[in-house]
Amino acid sequence: MTPFPWKEAMRFGLGVLRLPPRDFWAMSPRELAAAWGAVMGERAGPLGRTELERLMETFPDGQ
């Protein structure tokens, strides 16, 4: 299991959404994911091969 990507979540919540820290830390991961989908666009269907490979490179198993 890979650890939660806190660094990326904080960059998105605090940097992209410009949430005050109080509001960011009050959000659930599900709420943050919904905000991500609204800003970045929702996906329909499974990941493509290229997207899967990119995720595997970013979050490799065993580290």
PDB file of N, CA and C in Angstrom:
ATOM      1  N   MET A   1       0.839  -1.163   0.000  1.00  0.00           N
ATOM      2  CA  MET A   1       0.000   0.000   0.000  1.00  0.00           C
ATOM      3  C   MET A   1       0.897   1.244   0.000  1.00  0.00           C
ATOM      4  N   THR A   2       0.602   2.183  -0.863  1.00  0.00           N
ATOM      5  CA  THR A   2       1.391   3.411  -0.909  1.00  0.00           C
ATOM      6  C   THR A   2       0.836   4.425   0.083  1.00  0.00           C
ATOM      7  N   PRO A   3       1.690   5.229   0.668  1.00  0.00           N
ATOM      8  CA  PRO A   3       1.222   6.238   1.602  1.00  0.00           C
ATOM      9  C   PRO A   3       0.393   7.303   0.879  1.00  0.00           C
ATOM     10  N   PHE A   4      -0.451   7.969   1.640  1.00  0.00           N
ATOM     11  CA  PHE A   4      -1.274   9.038   1.072  1.00  0.00           C
ATOM     12  C   PHE A   4      -0.347  10.143   0.559  1.00  0.00           C
ATOM     13  N   PRO A   5      -0.612  10.680  -0.631  1.00  0.00           N
ATOM     14  CA  PRO A   5       0.267  11.710  -1.212  1.00  0.00           C
ATOM     15  C   PRO A   5       0.016  13.093  -0.599  1.00  0.00           C
ATOM     16  N   TRP A   6       0.434  13.271   0.649  1.00  0.00           N
ATOM     17  CA  TRP A   6       0.173  14.524   1.364  1.00  0.00           C
ATOM     18  C   TRP A   6       0.767  15.733   0.659  1.00  0.00           C
ATOM     19  N   LYS A   7       1.982  15.598   0.148  1.00  0.00           N
ATOM     20  CA  LYS A   7       2.642  16.724  -0.501  1.00  0.00           C
ATOM     21  C   LYS A   7       1.806  17.237  -1.675  1.00  0.00           C
ATOM     22  N   GLU A   8       1.340  16.317  -2.523  1.00  0.00           N
ATOM     23  CA  GLU A   8       0.531  16.700  -3.676  1.00  0.00           C
ATOM     24  C   GLU A   8      -0.835  17.242  -3.243  1.00  0.00           C
ATOM     25  N   ALA A   9      -1.423  16.613  -2.220  1.00  0.00           N
ATOM     26  CA  ALA A   9      -2.720  17.075  -1.721  1.00  0.00           C
ATOM     27  C   ALA A   9      -2.618  18.492  -1.172  1.00  0.00           C
ATOM     28  N   MET A  10      -1.548  18.772  -0.420  1.00  0.00           N
ATOM     29  CA  MET A  10      -1.366  20.117   0.131  1.00  0.00           C
ATOM     30  C   MET A  10      -1.106  21.132  -0.980  1.00  0.00           C
ATOM     31  N   ARG A  11      -0.317  20.756  -1.976  1.00  0.00           N
ATOM     32  CA  ARG A  11      -0.077  21.673  -3.098  1.00  0.00           C
ATOM     33  C   ARG A  11      -1.381  22.019  -3.801  1.00  0.00           C
ATOM     34  N   PHE A  12      -2.228  21.005  -4.001  1.00  0.00           N
ATOM     35  CA  PHE A  12      -3.492  21.244  -4.681  1.00  0.00           C
ATOM     36  C   PHE A  12      -4.433  22.072  -3.815  1.00  0.00           C
ATOM     37  N   GLY A  13      -4.635  21.650  -2.575  1.00  0.00           N
ATOM     38  CA  GLY A  13      -5.586  22.335  -1.696  1.00  0.00           C
ATOM     39  C   GLY A  13      -5.177  23.749  -1.343  1.00  0.00           C
ATOM     40  N   LEU A  14      -3.911  23.908  -0.970  1.00  0.00           N
ATOM     41  CA  LEU A  14      -3.442  25.226  -0.538  1.00  0.00           C
ATOM     42  C   LEU A  14      -3.003  26.090  -1.714  1.00  0.00           C
ATOM     43  N   GLY A  15      -2.394  25.475  -2.734  1.00  0.00           N
ATOM     44  CA  GLY A  15      -1.860  26.239  -3.856  1.00  0.00           C
ATOM     45  C   GLY A  15      -2.844  26.472  -4.972  1.00  0.00           C
ATOM     46  N   VAL A  16      -3.495  25.407  -5.440  1.00  0.00           N
ATOM     47  CA  VAL A  16      -4.416  25.537  -6.572  1.00  0.00           C
ATOM     48  C   VAL A  16      -5.770  26.079  -6.113  1.00  0.00           C
ATOM     49  N   LEU A  17      -6.347  25.439  -5.090  1.00  0.00           N
ATOM     50  CA  LEU A  17      -7.652  25.887  -4.603  1.00  0.00           C
ATOM     51  C   LEU A  17      -7.552  27.135  -3.731  1.00  0.00           C
ATOM     52  N   ARG A  18      -6.329  27.394  -3.232  1.00  0.00           N
ATOM     53  CA  ARG A  18      -6.084  28.536  -2.343  1.00  0.00           C
ATOM     54  C   ARG A  18      -6.969  28.521  -1.093  1.00  0.00           C
ATOM     55  N   LEU A  19      -7.114  27.331  -0.548  1.00  0.00           N
ATOM     56  CA  LEU A  19      -7.880  27.185   0.685  1.00  0.00           C
ATOM     57  C   LEU A  19      -7.049  27.669   1.866  1.00  0.00           C
ATOM     58  N   PRO A  20      -7.675  28.318   2.829  1.00  0.00           N
ATOM     59  CA  PRO A  20      -6.952  28.603   4.066  1.00  0.00           C
ATOM     60  C   PRO A  20      -6.611  27.268   4.745  1.00  0.00           C
ATOM     61  N   PRO A  21      -5.486  27.169   5.432  1.00  0.00           N
ATOM     62  CA  PRO A  21      -5.113  25.903   6.082  1.00  0.00           C
ATOM     63  C   PRO A  21      -6.242  25.320   6.928  1.00  0.00           C
ATOM     64  N   ARG A  22      -6.955  26.150   7.640  1.00  0.00           N
ATOM     65  CA  ARG A  22      -8.063  25.686   8.486  1.00  0.00           C
ATOM     66  C   ARG A  22      -9.086  24.907   7.653  1.00  0.00           C
ATOM     67  N   ASP A  23      -9.434  25.430   6.475  1.00  0.00           N
ATOM     68  CA  ASP A  23     -10.418  24.767   5.620  1.00  0.00           C
ATOM     69  C   ASP A  23      -9.853  23.511   4.966  1.00  0.00           C
ATOM     70  N   PHE A  24      -8.571  23.575   4.559  1.00  0.00           N
ATOM     71  CA  PHE A  24      -7.950  22.398   3.961  1.00  0.00           C
ATOM     72  C   PHE A  24      -7.953  21.229   4.940  1.00  0.00           C
ATOM     73  N   TRP A  25      -7.504  21.454   6.162  1.00  0.00           N
ATOM     74  CA  TRP A  25      -7.401  20.369   7.134  1.00  0.00           C
ATOM     75  C   TRP A  25      -8.757  19.903   7.625  1.00  0.00           C
ATOM     76  N   ALA A  26      -9.803  20.690   7.408  1.00  0.00           N
ATOM     77  CA  ALA A  26     -11.155  20.269   7.788  1.00  0.00           C
ATOM     78  C   ALA A  26     -11.796  19.375   6.727  1.00  0.00           C
ATOM     79  N   MET A  27     -11.216  19.344   5.514  1.00  0.00           N
ATOM     80  CA  MET A  27     -11.774  18.528   4.430  1.00  0.00           C
ATOM     81  C   MET A  27     -11.459  17.046   4.632  1.00  0.00           C
ATOM     82  N   SER A  28     -12.377  16.211   4.164  1.00  0.00           N
ATOM     83  CA  SER A  28     -12.099  14.777   4.134  1.00  0.00           C
ATOM     84  C   SER A  28     -11.367  14.469   2.827  1.00  0.00           C
ATOM     85  N   PRO A  29     -10.661  13.344   2.750  1.00  0.00           N
ATOM     86  CA  PRO A  29     -10.035  12.970   1.477  1.00  0.00           C
ATOM     87  C   PRO A  29     -11.050  12.869   0.340  1.00  0.00           C
ATOM     88  N   ARG A  30     -12.256  12.430   0.641  1.00  0.00           N
ATOM     89  CA  ARG A  30     -13.303  12.330  -0.377  1.00  0.00           C
ATOM     90  C   ARG A  30     -13.696  13.718  -0.896  1.00  0.00           C
ATOM     91  N   GLU A  31     -13.779  14.692  -0.008  1.00  0.00           N
ATOM     92  CA  GLU A  31     -14.091  16.060  -0.427  1.00  0.00           C
ATOM     93  C   GLU A  31     -12.966  16.632  -1.285  1.00  0.00           C
ATOM     94  N   LEU A  32     -11.729  16.365  -0.898  1.00  0.00           N
ATOM     95  CA  LEU A  32     -10.590  16.832  -1.689  1.00  0.00           C
ATOM     96  C   LEU A  32     -10.599  16.183  -3.073  1.00  0.00           C
ATOM     97  N   ALA A  33     -10.928  14.893  -3.131  1.00  0.00           N
ATOM     98  CA  ALA A  33     -11.008  14.196  -4.413  1.00  0.00           C
ATOM     99  C   ALA A  33     -12.108  14.785  -5.285  1.00  0.00           C
ATOM    100  N   ALA A  34     -13.228  15.152  -4.687  1.00  0.00           N
ATOM    101  CA  ALA A  34     -14.314  15.773  -5.450  1.00  0.00           C
ATOM    102  C   ALA A  34     -13.882  17.123  -6.004  1.00  0.00           C
ATOM    103  N   ALA A  35     -13.151  17.899  -5.212  1.00  0.00           N
ATOM    104  CA  ALA A  35     -12.642  19.186  -5.688  1.00  0.00           C
ATOM    105  C   ALA A  35     -11.652  18.972  -6.824  1.00  0.00           C
ATOM    106  N   TRP A  36     -10.793  17.950  -6.685  1.00  0.00           N
ATOM    107  CA  TRP A  36      -9.834  17.617  -7.749  1.00  0.00           C
ATOM    108  C   TRP A  36     -10.586  17.312  -9.041  1.00  0.00           C
ATOM    109  N   GLY A  37     -11.632  16.490  -8.944  1.00  0.00           N
ATOM    110  CA  GLY A  37     -12.418  16.128 -10.118  1.00  0.00           C
ATOM    111  C   GLY A  37     -13.081  17.329 -10.766  1.00  0.00           C
ATOM    112  N   ALA A  38     -13.564  18.253  -9.939  1.00  0.00           N
ATOM    113  CA  ALA A  38     -14.211  19.444 -10.478  1.00  0.00           C
ATOM    114  C   ALA A  38     -13.229  20.345 -11.216  1.00  0.00           C
ATOM    115  N   VAL A  39     -12.018  20.456 -10.694  1.00  0.00           N
ATOM    116  CA  VAL A  39     -11.014  21.335 -11.300  1.00  0.00           C
ATOM    117  C   VAL A  39     -10.305  20.653 -12.467  1.00  0.00           C
ATOM    118  N   MET A  40      -9.931  19.398 -12.285  1.00  0.00           N
ATOM    119  CA  MET A  40      -9.108  18.688 -13.265  1.00  0.00           C
ATOM    120  C   MET A  40      -9.931  17.894 -14.277  1.00  0.00           C
ATOM    121  N   GLY A  41     -11.204  17.742 -14.023  1.00  0.00           N
ATOM    122  CA  GLY A  41     -12.064  16.985 -14.924  1.00  0.00           C
ATOM    123  C   GLY A  41     -12.242  15.552 -14.449  1.00  0.00           C
ATOM    124  N   GLU A  42     -13.472  15.124 -14.394  1.00  0.00           N
ATOM    125  CA  GLU A  42     -13.782  13.751 -13.983  1.00  0.00           C
ATOM    126  C   GLU A  42     -13.431  12.784 -15.098  1.00  0.00           C
ATOM    127  N   ARG A  43     -13.005  11.618 -14.728  1.00  0.00           N
ATOM    128  CA  ARG A  43     -12.723  10.560 -15.700  1.00  0.00           C
ATOM    129  C   ARG A  43     -13.920   9.632 -15.782  1.00  0.00           C
ATOM    130  N   ALA A  44     -14.186   9.143 -16.952  1.00  0.00           N
ATOM    131  CA  ALA A  44     -15.205   8.118 -17.136  1.00  0.00           C
ATOM    132  C   ALA A  44     -14.494   6.839 -17.559  1.00  0.00           C
ATOM    133  N   GLY A  45     -14.583   5.809 -16.756  1.00  0.00           N
ATOM    134  CA  GLY A  45     -13.976   4.546 -17.116  1.00  0.00           C
ATOM    135  C   GLY A  45     -12.625   4.349 -16.461  1.00  0.00           C
ATOM    136  N   PRO A  46     -12.019   3.217 -16.746  1.00  0.00           N
ATOM    137  CA  PRO A  46     -10.731   2.876 -16.124  1.00  0.00           C
ATOM    138  C   PRO A  46      -9.572   3.677 -16.704  1.00  0.00           C
ATOM    139  N   LEU A  47      -8.445   3.642 -16.002  1.00  0.00           N
ATOM    140  CA  LEU A  47      -7.237   4.300 -16.476  1.00  0.00           C
ATOM    141  C   LEU A  47      -6.734   3.646 -17.758  1.00  0.00           C
ATOM    142  N   GLY A  48      -6.142   4.441 -18.612  1.00  0.00           N
ATOM    143  CA  GLY A  48      -5.463   3.903 -19.780  1.00  0.00           C
ATOM    144  C   GLY A  48      -4.082   3.405 -19.389  1.00  0.00           C
ATOM    145  N   ARG A  49      -3.434   2.689 -20.282  1.00  0.00           N
ATOM    146  CA  ARG A  49      -2.116   2.110 -19.999  1.00  0.00           C
ATOM    147  C   ARG A  49      -1.096   3.189 -19.648  1.00  0.00           C
ATOM    148  N   THR A  50      -1.076   4.282 -20.399  1.00  0.00           N
ATOM    149  CA  THR A  50      -0.117   5.363 -20.150  1.00  0.00           C
ATOM    150  C   THR A  50      -0.331   5.980 -18.775  1.00  0.00           C
ATOM    151  N   GLU A  51      -1.591   6.203 -18.407  1.00  0.00           N
ATOM    152  CA  GLU A  51      -1.889   6.778 -17.091  1.00  0.00           C
ATOM    153  C   GLU A  51      -1.485   5.825 -15.970  1.00  0.00           C
ATOM    154  N   LEU A  52      -1.750   4.538 -16.160  1.00  0.00           N
ATOM    155  CA  LEU A  52      -1.358   3.549 -15.163  1.00  0.00           C
ATOM    156  C   LEU A  52       0.158   3.518 -14.997  1.00  0.00           C
ATOM    157  N   GLU A  53       0.890   3.521 -16.099  1.00  0.00           N
ATOM    158  CA  GLU A  53       2.357   3.512 -16.029  1.00  0.00           C
ATOM    159  C   GLU A  53       2.883   4.760 -15.331  1.00  0.00           C
ATOM    160  N   ARG A  54       2.286   5.912 -15.590  1.00  0.00           N
ATOM    161  CA  ARG A  54       2.702   7.151 -14.934  1.00  0.00           C
ATOM    162  C   ARG A  54       2.468   7.063 -13.421  1.00  0.00           C
ATOM    163  N   LEU A  55       1.319   6.535 -13.010  1.00  0.00           N
ATOM    164  CA  LEU A  55       1.051   6.360 -11.585  1.00  0.00           C
ATOM    165  C   LEU A  55       2.029   5.379 -10.950  1.00  0.00           C
ATOM    166  N   MET A  56       2.342   4.299 -11.664  1.00  0.00           N
ATOM    167  CA  MET A  56       3.279   3.306 -11.138  1.00  0.00           C
ATOM    168  C   MET A  56       4.678   3.893 -10.980  1.00  0.00           C
ATOM    169  N   GLU A  57       5.074   4.783 -11.868  1.00  0.00           N
ATOM    170  CA  GLU A  57       6.380   5.444 -11.738  1.00  0.00           C
ATOM    171  C   GLU A  57       6.375   6.440 -10.587  1.00  0.00           C
ATOM    172  N   THR A  58       5.263   7.157 -10.429  1.00  0.00           N
ATOM    173  CA  THR A  58       5.165   8.164  -9.367  1.00  0.00           C
ATOM    174  C   THR A  58       5.075   7.528  -7.993  1.00  0.00           C
ATOM    175  N   PHE A  59       4.327   6.432  -7.873  1.00  0.00           N
ATOM    176  CA  PHE A  59       4.113   5.761  -6.583  1.00  0.00           C
ATOM    177  C   PHE A  59       4.485   4.293  -6.704  1.00  0.00           C
ATOM    178  N   PRO A  60       5.796   3.989  -6.800  1.00  0.00           N
ATOM    179  CA  PRO A  60       6.210   2.586  -6.959  1.00  0.00           C
ATOM    180  C   PRO A  60       5.924   1.758  -5.716  1.00  0.00           C
ATOM    181  N   ASP A  61       5.676   0.480  -5.940  1.00  0.00           N
ATOM    182  CA  ASP A  61       5.455  -0.457  -4.833  1.00  0.00           C
ATOM    183  C   ASP A  61       6.774  -0.711  -4.108  1.00  0.00           C
ATOM    184  N   GLY A  62       6.654  -1.035  -2.827  1.00  0.00           N
ATOM    185  CA  GLY A  62       7.822  -1.447  -2.068  1.00  0.00           C
ATOM    186  C   GLY A  62       8.699  -0.337  -1.553  1.00  0.00           C
ATOM    187  N   GLN A  63       8.233   0.880  -1.572  1.00  0.00           N
ATOM    188  CA  GLN A  63       9.074   1.969  -1.036  1.00  0.00           C
ATOM    189  C   GLN A  63       8.400   2.620   0.133  1.00  0.00           C
TER     190      GLN A  63
END
